[in-house]
Amino acid sequence: MLGINGAIAAGVDARYGWKIVALAGVAAVAPDWDGLPMLVDMASYERGHRVWGHNLLACLVIGAMIGTIDYRFDISGRVAGRLVKFGPFAELAPQIEQRSEWSIPEWLAWIVVAVAAALSQIPADAVVSGGEGLSDWALKPLWPFSDYRFVFSLVPWGNIGVTILFAIGMLALARWKRRVRAIATATLVAVVAYIVVWGFWMKAT
């Protein structure tokens, strides 16, 4: 939701359409690939999560990869094309079209948006950390070149407030489609304000 609202607030959808917004949503969660070792063993998970994928280099690489793959093969368009074959999504079919032309400026726009969305995970995870019975989980944004650790916990894991604000924003985006940029911007402002107020209020009390 952070990636989607960020892309809409930046106005890239007005120029490039819904596909680049979908790309931002996927790229924003891509750094969490470093949580996959949980499926193998917890020791690897604890060692690598918020490290291997949550650093500047990894975000640059994975953002460029996702942006390039999605643009070159029109992944968003292909997936949407399959979804509209099902009843609930059939009415969206007229809005779905496959990309038939490619251009370097558009490809670069896809990469920039994907990288920016991936990088957004670093500050987001830095301020949402810790909680009752849980320690703050520091990130290593300069890994593998440095083991410098960073965290500035303001909101604990599992805090429902941020999710509620994003959910309200998404519903508003669906309801008032002519005001999406203003709604996305207001949603981001509300989320940031909530995090700051919650964090400093809790610390003060």
N, C-alpha and C. Protein backbone atom coordinates (compact mmCIF):
# COMPACT_ATOMS: atom_id res chain seq x y z
N MET A 1 0.83 -1.21 0.00
CA MET A 1 0.00 0.00 0.00
C MET A 1 0.86 1.26 0.00
N LEU A 2 2.05 1.16 0.62
CA LEU A 2 2.96 2.29 0.60
C LEU A 2 3.43 2.56 -0.82
N GLY A 3 3.80 1.51 -1.54
CA GLY A 3 4.27 1.68 -2.92
C GLY A 3 3.20 2.22 -3.84
N ILE A 4 1.99 1.69 -3.72
CA ILE A 4 0.88 2.13 -4.57
C ILE A 4 0.54 3.59 -4.32
N ASN A 5 0.39 3.95 -3.05
CA ASN A 5 0.06 5.34 -2.73
C ASN A 5 1.19 6.29 -3.11
N GLY A 6 2.42 5.84 -2.94
CA GLY A 6 3.55 6.67 -3.32
C GLY A 6 3.58 6.96 -4.81
N ALA A 7 3.32 5.94 -5.61
CA ALA A 7 3.32 6.12 -7.07
C ALA A 7 2.20 7.05 -7.52
N ILE A 8 1.02 6.87 -6.94
CA ILE A 8 -0.12 7.72 -7.31
C ILE A 8 0.11 9.16 -6.85
N ALA A 9 0.64 9.32 -5.63
CA ALA A 9 0.93 10.66 -5.12
C ALA A 9 1.96 11.38 -5.99
N ALA A 10 2.89 10.62 -6.55
CA ALA A 10 3.90 11.21 -7.43
C ALA A 10 3.34 11.53 -8.81
N GLY A 11 2.16 11.03 -9.11
CA GLY A 11 1.51 11.34 -10.38
C GLY A 11 1.96 10.52 -11.57
N VAL A 12 2.72 9.44 -11.33
CA VAL A 12 3.23 8.66 -12.46
C VAL A 12 2.11 7.91 -13.18
N ASP A 13 1.02 7.63 -12.47
CA ASP A 13 -0.09 6.93 -13.12
C ASP A 13 -0.75 7.77 -14.19
N ALA A 14 -0.74 9.10 -14.00
CA ALA A 14 -1.36 9.99 -14.98
C ALA A 14 -0.64 9.93 -16.32
N ARG A 15 0.64 9.62 -16.28
CA ARG A 15 1.42 9.57 -17.52
C ARG A 15 1.58 8.16 -18.07
N TYR A 16 1.75 7.19 -17.15
CA TYR A 16 2.07 5.83 -17.59
C TYR A 16 0.97 4.81 -17.34
N GLY A 17 -0.09 5.20 -16.66
CA GLY A 17 -1.21 4.29 -16.46
C GLY A 17 -1.08 3.42 -15.22
N TRP A 18 -2.05 2.52 -15.08
CA TRP A 18 -2.16 1.70 -13.87
C TRP A 18 -1.04 0.68 -13.72
N LYS A 19 -0.41 0.29 -14.82
CA LYS A 19 0.59 -0.77 -14.75
C LYS A 19 1.79 -0.37 -13.91
N ILE A 20 2.18 0.89 -13.98
CA ILE A 20 3.35 1.33 -13.21
C ILE A 20 3.01 1.42 -11.73
N VAL A 21 1.73 1.63 -11.42
CA VAL A 21 1.28 1.62 -10.02
C VAL A 21 1.34 0.20 -9.47
N ALA A 22 0.90 -0.76 -10.28
CA ALA A 22 0.98 -2.17 -9.87
C ALA A 22 2.43 -2.57 -9.65
N LEU A 23 3.29 -2.10 -10.52
CA LEU A 23 4.73 -2.37 -10.39
C LEU A 23 5.24 -1.84 -9.05
N ALA A 24 4.85 -0.62 -8.69
CA ALA A 24 5.30 -0.02 -7.43
C ALA A 24 4.85 -0.85 -6.24
N GLY A 25 3.63 -1.38 -6.31
CA GLY A 25 3.13 -2.22 -5.21
C GLY A 25 3.95 -3.48 -5.03
N VAL A 26 4.32 -4.11 -6.13
CA VAL A 26 5.12 -5.34 -6.07
C VAL A 26 6.55 -5.03 -5.61
N ALA A 27 7.15 -3.98 -6.19
CA ALA A 27 8.53 -3.64 -5.85
C ALA A 27 8.68 -3.22 -4.39
N ALA A 28 7.64 -2.62 -3.83
CA ALA A 28 7.72 -2.15 -2.45
C ALA A 28 7.84 -3.29 -1.45
N VAL A 29 7.31 -4.45 -1.79
CA VAL A 29 7.41 -5.60 -0.88
C VAL A 29 8.54 -6.55 -1.28
N ALA A 30 9.18 -6.30 -2.42
CA ALA A 30 10.22 -7.20 -2.92
C ALA A 30 11.39 -7.40 -1.95
N PRO A 31 11.82 -6.37 -1.20
CA PRO A 31 12.94 -6.60 -0.27
C PRO A 31 12.67 -7.68 0.78
N ASP A 32 11.42 -8.02 0.98
CA ASP A 32 11.09 -9.05 1.97
C ASP A 32 11.43 -10.46 1.50
N TRP A 33 12.08 -10.56 0.31
CA TRP A 33 12.52 -11.88 -0.14
C TRP A 33 13.50 -12.48 0.87
N ASP A 34 14.17 -11.62 1.64
CA ASP A 34 15.14 -12.15 2.59
C ASP A 34 14.47 -12.82 3.79
N GLY A 35 13.14 -12.87 3.79
CA GLY A 35 12.43 -13.62 4.82
C GLY A 35 12.18 -15.06 4.42
N LEU A 36 12.46 -15.40 3.16
CA LEU A 36 12.21 -16.76 2.67
C LEU A 36 13.02 -17.84 3.38
N PRO A 37 14.23 -17.53 3.89
CA PRO A 37 14.97 -18.58 4.63
C PRO A 37 14.19 -19.16 5.80
N MET A 38 13.11 -18.49 6.23
CA MET A 38 12.26 -19.02 7.29
C MET A 38 11.73 -20.40 6.91
N LEU A 39 11.58 -20.63 5.61
CA LEU A 39 11.06 -21.91 5.14
C LEU A 39 12.08 -23.03 5.29
N VAL A 40 13.35 -22.63 5.47
CA VAL A 40 14.43 -23.62 5.59
C VAL A 40 14.82 -23.81 7.05
N ASP A 41 15.28 -22.76 7.68
CA ASP A 41 15.60 -22.82 9.11
C ASP A 41 15.60 -21.41 9.69
N MET A 42 15.24 -21.30 10.96
CA MET A 42 15.09 -20.00 11.62
C MET A 42 16.41 -19.29 11.82
N ALA A 43 17.49 -20.04 11.92
CA ALA A 43 18.80 -19.41 12.12
C ALA A 43 19.17 -18.55 10.91
N SER A 44 18.93 -19.08 9.71
CA SER A 44 19.21 -18.31 8.50
C SER A 44 18.28 -17.11 8.40
N TYR A 45 17.03 -17.31 8.79
CA TYR A 45 16.06 -16.22 8.77
C TYR A 45 16.49 -15.08 9.68
N GLU A 46 16.86 -15.41 10.91
CA GLU A 46 17.26 -14.39 11.87
C GLU A 46 18.55 -13.68 11.44
N ARG A 47 19.40 -14.40 10.72
CA ARG A 47 20.66 -13.82 10.27
C ARG A 47 20.48 -12.93 9.05
N GLY A 48 19.54 -13.29 8.18
CA GLY A 48 19.42 -12.59 6.91
C GLY A 48 18.27 -11.64 6.75
N HIS A 49 17.16 -11.85 7.51
CA HIS A 49 16.00 -10.98 7.33
C HIS A 49 16.32 -9.55 7.76
N ARG A 50 15.87 -8.59 6.96
CA ARG A 50 16.14 -7.17 7.17
C ARG A 50 17.62 -6.84 6.95
N VAL A 51 18.35 -7.76 6.31
CA VAL A 51 19.76 -7.52 5.97
C VAL A 51 19.98 -7.75 4.49
N TRP A 52 19.80 -9.00 4.05
CA TRP A 52 20.11 -9.36 2.68
C TRP A 52 19.29 -8.60 1.65
N GLY A 53 18.03 -8.34 1.95
CA GLY A 53 17.19 -7.62 0.99
C GLY A 53 16.96 -6.18 1.35
N HIS A 54 17.15 -5.84 2.63
CA HIS A 54 16.86 -4.49 3.11
C HIS A 54 18.11 -3.63 3.18
N ASN A 55 18.76 -3.47 2.06
CA ASN A 55 19.93 -2.59 1.99
C ASN A 55 19.92 -1.87 0.65
N LEU A 56 20.68 -0.81 0.56
CA LEU A 56 20.64 0.05 -0.63
C LEU A 56 21.01 -0.72 -1.90
N LEU A 57 22.05 -1.53 -1.83
CA LEU A 57 22.49 -2.26 -3.02
C LEU A 57 21.43 -3.24 -3.49
N ALA A 58 20.88 -4.02 -2.57
CA ALA A 58 19.87 -5.02 -2.94
C ALA A 58 18.63 -4.35 -3.52
N CYS A 59 18.22 -3.22 -2.92
CA CYS A 59 17.03 -2.52 -3.42
C CYS A 59 17.26 -1.97 -4.83
N LEU A 60 18.47 -1.48 -5.08
CA LEU A 60 18.79 -0.98 -6.42
C LEU A 60 18.75 -2.12 -7.44
N VAL A 61 19.34 -3.25 -7.07
CA VAL A 61 19.41 -4.38 -8.00
C VAL A 61 18.03 -4.98 -8.24
N ILE A 62 17.32 -5.29 -7.16
CA ILE A 62 16.02 -5.95 -7.34
C ILE A 62 15.01 -5.00 -7.97
N GLY A 63 15.10 -3.69 -7.66
CA GLY A 63 14.22 -2.72 -8.30
C GLY A 63 14.46 -2.65 -9.79
N ALA A 64 15.74 -2.60 -10.20
CA ALA A 64 16.07 -2.55 -11.62
C ALA A 64 15.62 -3.83 -12.33
N MET A 65 15.78 -4.96 -11.66
CA MET A 65 15.38 -6.24 -12.26
C MET A 65 13.87 -6.31 -12.45
N ILE A 66 13.13 -5.97 -11.39
CA ILE A 66 11.67 -6.04 -11.48
C ILE A 66 11.14 -5.06 -12.50
N GLY A 67 11.69 -3.83 -12.50
CA GLY A 67 11.25 -2.83 -13.46
C GLY A 67 11.50 -3.27 -14.89
N THR A 68 12.67 -3.84 -15.14
CA THR A 68 13.04 -4.28 -16.49
C THR A 68 12.18 -5.46 -16.94
N ILE A 69 12.03 -6.45 -16.08
CA ILE A 69 11.25 -7.65 -16.44
C ILE A 69 9.79 -7.29 -16.69
N ASP A 70 9.23 -6.47 -15.78
CA ASP A 70 7.82 -6.11 -15.94
C ASP A 70 7.61 -5.30 -17.22
N TYR A 71 8.52 -4.38 -17.50
CA TYR A 71 8.33 -3.55 -18.70
C TYR A 71 8.56 -4.36 -19.97
N ARG A 72 9.64 -5.13 -19.99
CA ARG A 72 9.99 -5.87 -21.21
C ARG A 72 8.94 -6.92 -21.57
N PHE A 73 8.42 -7.61 -20.56
CA PHE A 73 7.48 -8.70 -20.84
C PHE A 73 6.03 -8.36 -20.48
N ASP A 74 5.80 -7.12 -20.07
CA ASP A 74 4.44 -6.65 -19.75
C ASP A 74 3.74 -7.62 -18.81
N ILE A 75 4.42 -7.94 -17.71
CA ILE A 75 3.88 -8.92 -16.76
C ILE A 75 2.53 -8.46 -16.21
N SER A 76 2.45 -7.18 -15.82
CA SER A 76 1.19 -6.66 -15.26
C SER A 76 0.05 -6.82 -16.25
N GLY A 77 0.31 -6.49 -17.50
CA GLY A 77 -0.72 -6.60 -18.53
C GLY A 77 -1.15 -8.03 -18.77
N ARG A 78 -0.18 -8.95 -18.76
CA ARG A 78 -0.49 -10.35 -19.00
C ARG A 78 -1.32 -10.95 -17.85
N VAL A 79 -0.92 -10.60 -16.61
CA VAL A 79 -1.67 -11.11 -15.46
C VAL A 79 -3.09 -10.55 -15.46
N ALA A 80 -3.20 -9.24 -15.73
CA ALA A 80 -4.53 -8.62 -15.78
C ALA A 80 -5.37 -9.22 -16.90
N GLY A 81 -4.73 -9.53 -18.01
CA GLY A 81 -5.45 -10.13 -19.13
C GLY A 81 -6.06 -11.47 -18.77
N ARG A 82 -5.39 -12.21 -17.90
CA ARG A 82 -5.93 -13.50 -17.46
C ARG A 82 -7.03 -13.30 -16.42
N LEU A 83 -6.85 -12.32 -15.55
CA LEU A 83 -7.84 -12.10 -14.50
C LEU A 83 -9.20 -11.68 -15.05
N VAL A 84 -9.19 -10.86 -16.12
CA VAL A 84 -10.47 -10.36 -16.64
C VAL A 84 -11.28 -11.45 -17.33
N LYS A 85 -10.71 -12.63 -17.46
CA LYS A 85 -11.47 -13.74 -18.03
C LYS A 85 -12.43 -14.35 -17.01
N PHE A 86 -12.20 -13.98 -15.73
CA PHE A 86 -13.07 -14.48 -14.67
C PHE A 86 -14.20 -13.48 -14.42
N GLY A 87 -15.35 -13.99 -14.07
CA GLY A 87 -16.55 -13.19 -13.89
C GLY A 87 -16.40 -11.89 -13.14
N PRO A 88 -15.86 -11.90 -11.90
CA PRO A 88 -15.81 -10.69 -11.09
C PRO A 88 -15.00 -9.55 -11.72
N PHE A 89 -14.06 -9.91 -12.62
CA PHE A 89 -13.19 -8.90 -13.21
C PHE A 89 -13.52 -8.61 -14.68
N ALA A 90 -14.53 -9.26 -15.21
CA ALA A 90 -14.84 -9.15 -16.64
C ALA A 90 -15.10 -7.71 -17.08
N GLU A 91 -15.72 -6.91 -16.20
CA GLU A 91 -16.06 -5.54 -16.60
C GLU A 91 -14.82 -4.66 -16.78
N LEU A 92 -13.68 -5.13 -16.31
CA LEU A 92 -12.44 -4.37 -16.46
C LEU A 92 -11.73 -4.65 -17.79
N ALA A 93 -12.22 -5.62 -18.53
CA ALA A 93 -11.57 -6.04 -19.77
C ALA A 93 -11.26 -4.90 -20.73
N PRO A 94 -12.19 -3.94 -20.93
CA PRO A 94 -11.89 -2.85 -21.88
C PRO A 94 -10.68 -2.00 -21.49
N GLN A 95 -10.30 -2.03 -20.20
CA GLN A 95 -9.18 -1.22 -19.74
C GLN A 95 -7.84 -1.93 -19.87
N ILE A 96 -7.87 -3.19 -20.22
CA ILE A 96 -6.65 -3.99 -20.29
C ILE A 96 -6.17 -4.09 -21.72
N GLU A 97 -4.94 -3.68 -21.93
CA GLU A 97 -4.35 -3.82 -23.26
C GLU A 97 -2.88 -4.19 -23.13
N GLN A 98 -2.43 -5.03 -24.02
CA GLN A 98 -1.04 -5.47 -24.01
C GLN A 98 -0.15 -4.39 -24.61
N ARG A 99 1.04 -4.24 -24.04
CA ARG A 99 1.98 -3.26 -24.57
C ARG A 99 2.55 -3.77 -25.89
N SER A 100 2.46 -2.97 -26.91
CA SER A 100 2.95 -3.38 -28.23
C SER A 100 4.20 -2.61 -28.65
N GLU A 101 4.49 -1.53 -27.95
CA GLU A 101 5.67 -0.73 -28.28
C GLU A 101 6.51 -0.51 -27.03
N TRP A 102 7.81 -0.41 -27.23
CA TRP A 102 8.72 -0.20 -26.11
C TRP A 102 9.57 1.02 -26.39
N SER A 103 9.91 1.73 -25.32
CA SER A 103 10.78 2.90 -25.47
C SER A 103 11.72 2.99 -24.28
N ILE A 104 12.91 3.51 -24.53
CA ILE A 104 13.91 3.63 -23.47
C ILE A 104 13.45 4.56 -22.35
N PRO A 105 12.85 5.73 -22.65
CA PRO A 105 12.38 6.60 -21.57
C PRO A 105 11.36 5.92 -20.65
N GLU A 106 10.42 5.16 -21.23
CA GLU A 106 9.44 4.46 -20.40
C GLU A 106 10.09 3.36 -19.59
N TRP A 107 11.02 2.65 -20.19
CA TRP A 107 11.74 1.59 -19.48
C TRP A 107 12.48 2.18 -18.27
N LEU A 108 13.13 3.33 -18.47
CA LEU A 108 13.83 3.99 -17.37
C LEU A 108 12.86 4.44 -16.29
N ALA A 109 11.68 4.89 -16.69
CA ALA A 109 10.66 5.29 -15.71
C ALA A 109 10.25 4.09 -14.88
N TRP A 110 10.11 2.93 -15.50
CA TRP A 110 9.76 1.71 -14.78
C TRP A 110 10.84 1.37 -13.75
N ILE A 111 12.10 1.52 -14.14
CA ILE A 111 13.19 1.21 -13.24
C ILE A 111 13.23 2.19 -12.07
N VAL A 112 13.09 3.47 -12.35
CA VAL A 112 13.13 4.49 -11.30
C VAL A 112 12.02 4.25 -10.27
N VAL A 113 10.82 4.00 -10.75
CA VAL A 113 9.69 3.78 -9.84
C VAL A 113 9.90 2.50 -9.03
N ALA A 114 10.36 1.44 -9.66
CA ALA A 114 10.58 0.18 -8.95
C ALA A 114 11.67 0.31 -7.89
N VAL A 115 12.75 1.00 -8.23
CA VAL A 115 13.84 1.20 -7.27
C VAL A 115 13.37 2.06 -6.10
N ALA A 116 12.66 3.14 -6.41
CA ALA A 116 12.16 4.02 -5.34
C ALA A 116 11.21 3.26 -4.41
N ALA A 117 10.35 2.43 -4.99
CA ALA A 117 9.40 1.65 -4.19
C ALA A 117 10.14 0.66 -3.30
N ALA A 118 11.15 -0.02 -3.86
CA ALA A 118 11.92 -0.98 -3.07
C ALA A 118 12.66 -0.27 -1.93
N LEU A 119 13.23 0.87 -2.21
CA LEU A 119 13.97 1.62 -1.19
C LEU A 119 13.05 2.10 -0.06
N SER A 120 11.77 2.27 -0.35
CA SER A 120 10.85 2.76 0.67
C SER A 120 10.73 1.79 1.85
N GLN A 121 11.10 0.52 1.62
CA GLN A 121 11.04 -0.47 2.70
C GLN A 121 12.03 -0.14 3.82
N ILE A 122 13.16 0.47 3.47
CA ILE A 122 14.19 0.70 4.48
C ILE A 122 13.72 1.68 5.56
N PRO A 123 13.27 2.90 5.20
CA PRO A 123 12.77 3.79 6.26
C PRO A 123 11.50 3.27 6.91
N ALA A 124 10.65 2.59 6.13
CA ALA A 124 9.40 2.06 6.69
C ALA A 124 9.68 1.04 7.78
N ASP A 125 10.60 0.11 7.51
CA ASP A 125 10.91 -0.92 8.49
C ASP A 125 11.75 -0.38 9.65
N ALA A 126 12.41 0.75 9.42
CA ALA A 126 13.20 1.35 10.50
C ALA A 126 12.30 1.95 11.57
N VAL A 127 11.16 2.50 11.17
CA VAL A 127 10.28 3.16 12.14
C VAL A 127 9.19 2.23 12.68
N VAL A 128 8.95 1.11 11.99
CA VAL A 128 7.99 0.11 12.47
C VAL A 128 8.80 -1.09 12.95
N SER A 129 9.00 -1.16 14.24
CA SER A 129 9.87 -2.19 14.78
C SER A 129 9.60 -2.38 16.26
N GLY A 130 9.99 -3.54 16.78
CA GLY A 130 9.84 -3.79 18.21
C GLY A 130 8.41 -4.02 18.63
N GLY A 131 8.16 -3.89 19.91
CA GLY A 131 6.82 -4.11 20.45
C GLY A 131 6.91 -4.84 21.77
N GLU A 132 5.77 -5.15 22.35
CA GLU A 132 5.75 -5.81 23.64
C GLU A 132 6.39 -7.19 23.56
N GLY A 133 7.45 -7.36 24.33
CA GLY A 133 8.16 -8.64 24.34
C GLY A 133 9.09 -8.84 23.16
N LEU A 134 9.19 -7.85 22.28
CA LEU A 134 10.03 -7.95 21.09
C LEU A 134 11.07 -6.84 21.10
N SER A 135 12.27 -7.15 20.67
CA SER A 135 13.31 -6.14 20.59
C SER A 135 13.28 -5.47 19.22
N ASP A 136 13.82 -4.27 19.15
CA ASP A 136 13.92 -3.59 17.86
C ASP A 136 14.84 -4.37 16.94
N TRP A 137 14.41 -4.54 15.69
CA TRP A 137 15.19 -5.31 14.72
C TRP A 137 15.87 -4.34 13.78
N ALA A 138 17.13 -4.06 14.05
CA ALA A 138 17.86 -3.07 13.27
C ALA A 138 18.14 -3.55 11.85
N LEU A 139 18.19 -2.58 10.93
CA LEU A 139 18.53 -2.87 9.55
C LEU A 139 20.01 -2.56 9.32
N LYS A 140 20.55 -3.13 8.25
CA LYS A 140 21.92 -2.82 7.84
C LYS A 140 21.86 -2.26 6.42
N PRO A 141 21.53 -0.98 6.29
CA PRO A 141 21.31 -0.39 4.96
C PRO A 141 22.54 -0.36 4.06
N LEU A 142 23.74 -0.43 4.64
CA LEU A 142 24.96 -0.36 3.84
C LEU A 142 25.59 -1.74 3.61
N TRP A 143 24.90 -2.79 4.06
CA TRP A 143 25.42 -4.15 3.85
C TRP A 143 25.50 -4.44 2.35
N PRO A 144 26.51 -5.14 1.84
CA PRO A 144 27.55 -5.89 2.53
C PRO A 144 28.85 -5.10 2.76
N PHE A 145 28.82 -3.80 2.48
CA PHE A 145 30.04 -2.99 2.61
C PHE A 145 30.29 -2.54 4.04
N SER A 146 29.24 -2.53 4.84
CA SER A 146 29.37 -2.09 6.22
C SER A 146 28.30 -2.78 7.07
N ASP A 147 28.64 -3.04 8.32
CA ASP A 147 27.69 -3.63 9.26
C ASP A 147 26.99 -2.58 10.10
N TYR A 148 27.04 -1.34 9.64
CA TYR A 148 26.34 -0.25 10.34
C TYR A 148 24.87 -0.62 10.51
N ARG A 149 24.36 -0.49 11.72
CA ARG A 149 22.98 -0.88 12.03
C ARG A 149 22.15 0.36 12.32
N PHE A 150 20.90 0.33 11.87
CA PHE A 150 20.05 1.50 12.04
C PHE A 150 18.61 1.07 12.33
N VAL A 151 18.00 1.70 13.32
CA VAL A 151 16.57 1.53 13.60
C VAL A 151 16.12 2.74 14.40
N PHE A 152 14.92 3.20 14.15
CA PHE A 152 14.35 4.34 14.88
C PHE A 152 12.89 4.02 15.15
N SER A 153 12.69 3.06 16.02
CA SER A 153 11.36 2.51 16.25
C SER A 153 10.40 3.54 16.83
N LEU A 154 9.29 3.74 16.13
CA LEU A 154 8.23 4.63 16.59
C LEU A 154 6.92 3.89 16.78
N VAL A 155 6.66 2.94 15.90
CA VAL A 155 5.42 2.15 15.97
C VAL A 155 5.80 0.68 16.06
N PRO A 156 5.20 -0.06 16.97
CA PRO A 156 5.54 -1.48 17.12
C PRO A 156 4.94 -2.34 16.02
N TRP A 157 5.55 -3.50 15.80
CA TRP A 157 4.98 -4.46 14.87
C TRP A 157 3.57 -4.81 15.31
N GLY A 158 2.70 -4.99 14.36
CA GLY A 158 1.34 -5.38 14.67
C GLY A 158 0.41 -4.23 15.00
N ASN A 159 0.94 -3.00 15.02
CA ASN A 159 0.07 -1.85 15.28
C ASN A 159 -0.92 -1.71 14.13
N ILE A 160 -2.21 -1.73 14.44
CA ILE A 160 -3.23 -1.78 13.41
C ILE A 160 -3.53 -0.42 12.80
N GLY A 161 -3.10 0.66 13.46
CA GLY A 161 -3.44 2.00 13.00
C GLY A 161 -2.99 2.30 11.59
N VAL A 162 -1.74 1.96 11.28
CA VAL A 162 -1.20 2.23 9.94
C VAL A 162 -1.99 1.47 8.88
N THR A 163 -2.30 0.20 9.17
CA THR A 163 -3.07 -0.61 8.22
C THR A 163 -4.45 -0.02 7.98
N ILE A 164 -5.11 0.43 9.04
CA ILE A 164 -6.45 1.01 8.91
C ILE A 164 -6.41 2.26 8.04
N LEU A 165 -5.42 3.11 8.26
CA LEU A 165 -5.31 4.34 7.47
C LEU A 165 -5.10 4.02 5.99
N PHE A 166 -4.22 3.07 5.71
CA PHE A 166 -3.99 2.68 4.32
C PHE A 166 -5.25 2.07 3.71
N ALA A 167 -5.97 1.24 4.48
CA ALA A 167 -7.19 0.62 3.98
C ALA A 167 -8.24 1.67 3.64
N ILE A 168 -8.40 2.66 4.52
CA ILE A 168 -9.33 3.75 4.24
C ILE A 168 -8.93 4.49 2.97
N GLY A 169 -7.64 4.73 2.83
CA GLY A 169 -7.15 5.41 1.63
C GLY A 169 -7.42 4.63 0.36
N MET A 170 -7.23 3.30 0.41
CA MET A 170 -7.47 2.47 -0.77
C MET A 170 -8.95 2.46 -1.15
N LEU A 171 -9.81 2.41 -0.15
CA LEU A 171 -11.25 2.46 -0.42
C LEU A 171 -11.63 3.81 -1.04
N ALA A 172 -11.02 4.87 -0.54
CA ALA A 172 -11.29 6.20 -1.09
C ALA A 172 -10.79 6.31 -2.53
N LEU A 173 -9.66 5.68 -2.83
CA LEU A 173 -9.13 5.69 -4.20
C LEU A 173 -10.12 5.01 -5.15
N ALA A 174 -10.72 3.92 -4.70
CA ALA A 174 -11.68 3.20 -5.53
C ALA A 174 -12.98 3.99 -5.69
N ARG A 175 -13.32 4.78 -4.69
CA ARG A 175 -14.60 5.51 -4.72
C ARG A 175 -14.50 6.82 -5.51
N TRP A 176 -13.44 7.56 -5.31
CA TRP A 176 -13.30 8.87 -5.98
C TRP A 176 -12.11 8.84 -6.92
N LYS A 177 -12.32 8.29 -8.09
CA LYS A 177 -11.23 8.04 -9.04
C LYS A 177 -10.67 9.30 -9.67
N ARG A 178 -11.42 10.40 -9.60
CA ARG A 178 -10.92 11.64 -10.19
C ARG A 178 -10.02 12.42 -9.23
N ARG A 179 -9.93 11.95 -8.01
CA ARG A 179 -9.14 12.66 -7.01
C ARG A 179 -8.06 11.77 -6.41
N VAL A 180 -7.60 10.81 -7.20
CA VAL A 180 -6.69 9.81 -6.65
C VAL A 180 -5.37 10.40 -6.13
N ARG A 181 -4.85 11.38 -6.84
CA ARG A 181 -3.56 11.93 -6.40
C ARG A 181 -3.69 12.63 -5.05
N ALA A 182 -4.76 13.41 -4.88
CA ALA A 182 -4.98 14.10 -3.61
C ALA A 182 -5.23 13.09 -2.49
N ILE A 183 -5.97 12.03 -2.79
CA ILE A 183 -6.29 11.02 -1.78
C ILE A 183 -5.02 10.27 -1.37
N ALA A 184 -4.20 9.88 -2.35
CA ALA A 184 -2.97 9.16 -2.05
C ALA A 184 -2.03 10.02 -1.22
N THR A 185 -1.93 11.30 -1.58
CA THR A 185 -1.07 12.21 -0.82
C THR A 185 -1.58 12.37 0.60
N ALA A 186 -2.89 12.55 0.75
CA ALA A 186 -3.48 12.70 2.09
C ALA A 186 -3.27 11.44 2.92
N THR A 187 -3.35 10.28 2.28
CA THR A 187 -3.15 9.01 2.98
C THR A 187 -1.73 8.92 3.52
N LEU A 188 -0.75 9.26 2.68
CA LEU A 188 0.65 9.21 3.12
C LEU A 188 0.91 10.20 4.25
N VAL A 189 0.34 11.39 4.15
CA VAL A 189 0.51 12.40 5.20
C VAL A 189 -0.10 11.89 6.51
N ALA A 190 -1.27 11.29 6.40
CA ALA A 190 -1.95 10.76 7.59
C ALA A 190 -1.14 9.64 8.24
N VAL A 191 -0.57 8.76 7.42
CA VAL A 191 0.23 7.65 7.96
C VAL A 191 1.48 8.17 8.66
N VAL A 192 2.17 9.11 8.01
CA VAL A 192 3.38 9.68 8.61
C VAL A 192 3.04 10.39 9.92
N ALA A 193 1.96 11.17 9.91
CA ALA A 193 1.54 11.89 11.12
C ALA A 193 1.21 10.91 12.24
N TYR A 194 0.52 9.84 11.89
CA TYR A 194 0.16 8.82 12.89
C TYR A 194 1.40 8.21 13.51
N ILE A 195 2.36 7.83 12.66
CA ILE A 195 3.59 7.21 13.15
C ILE A 195 4.36 8.15 14.08
N VAL A 196 4.48 9.41 13.67
CA VAL A 196 5.21 10.39 14.48
C VAL A 196 4.50 10.65 15.81
N VAL A 197 3.20 10.90 15.73
CA VAL A 197 2.44 11.20 16.95
C VAL A 197 2.44 10.00 17.89
N TRP A 198 2.18 8.80 17.36
CA TRP A 198 2.17 7.60 18.19
C TRP A 198 3.53 7.40 18.84
N GLY A 199 4.56 7.49 18.02
CA GLY A 199 5.92 7.23 18.52
C GLY A 199 6.32 8.16 19.65
N PHE A 200 6.16 9.46 19.43
CA PHE A 200 6.62 10.40 20.44
C PHE A 200 5.66 10.48 21.62
N TRP A 201 4.37 10.22 21.40
CA TRP A 201 3.42 10.21 22.50
C TRP A 201 3.69 9.03 23.42
N MET A 202 3.97 7.87 22.82
CA MET A 202 4.26 6.69 23.61
C MET A 202 5.56 6.87 24.39
N LYS A 203 6.55 7.48 23.76
CA LYS A 203 7.81 7.69 24.45
C LYS A 203 7.66 8.68 25.59
N ALA A 204 6.76 9.67 25.37
CA ALA A 204 6.53 10.68 26.41
C ALA A 204 5.79 10.10 27.60
N THR A 205 4.96 9.08 27.35
CA THR A 205 4.21 8.48 28.44
C THR A 205 4.92 7.28 29.04
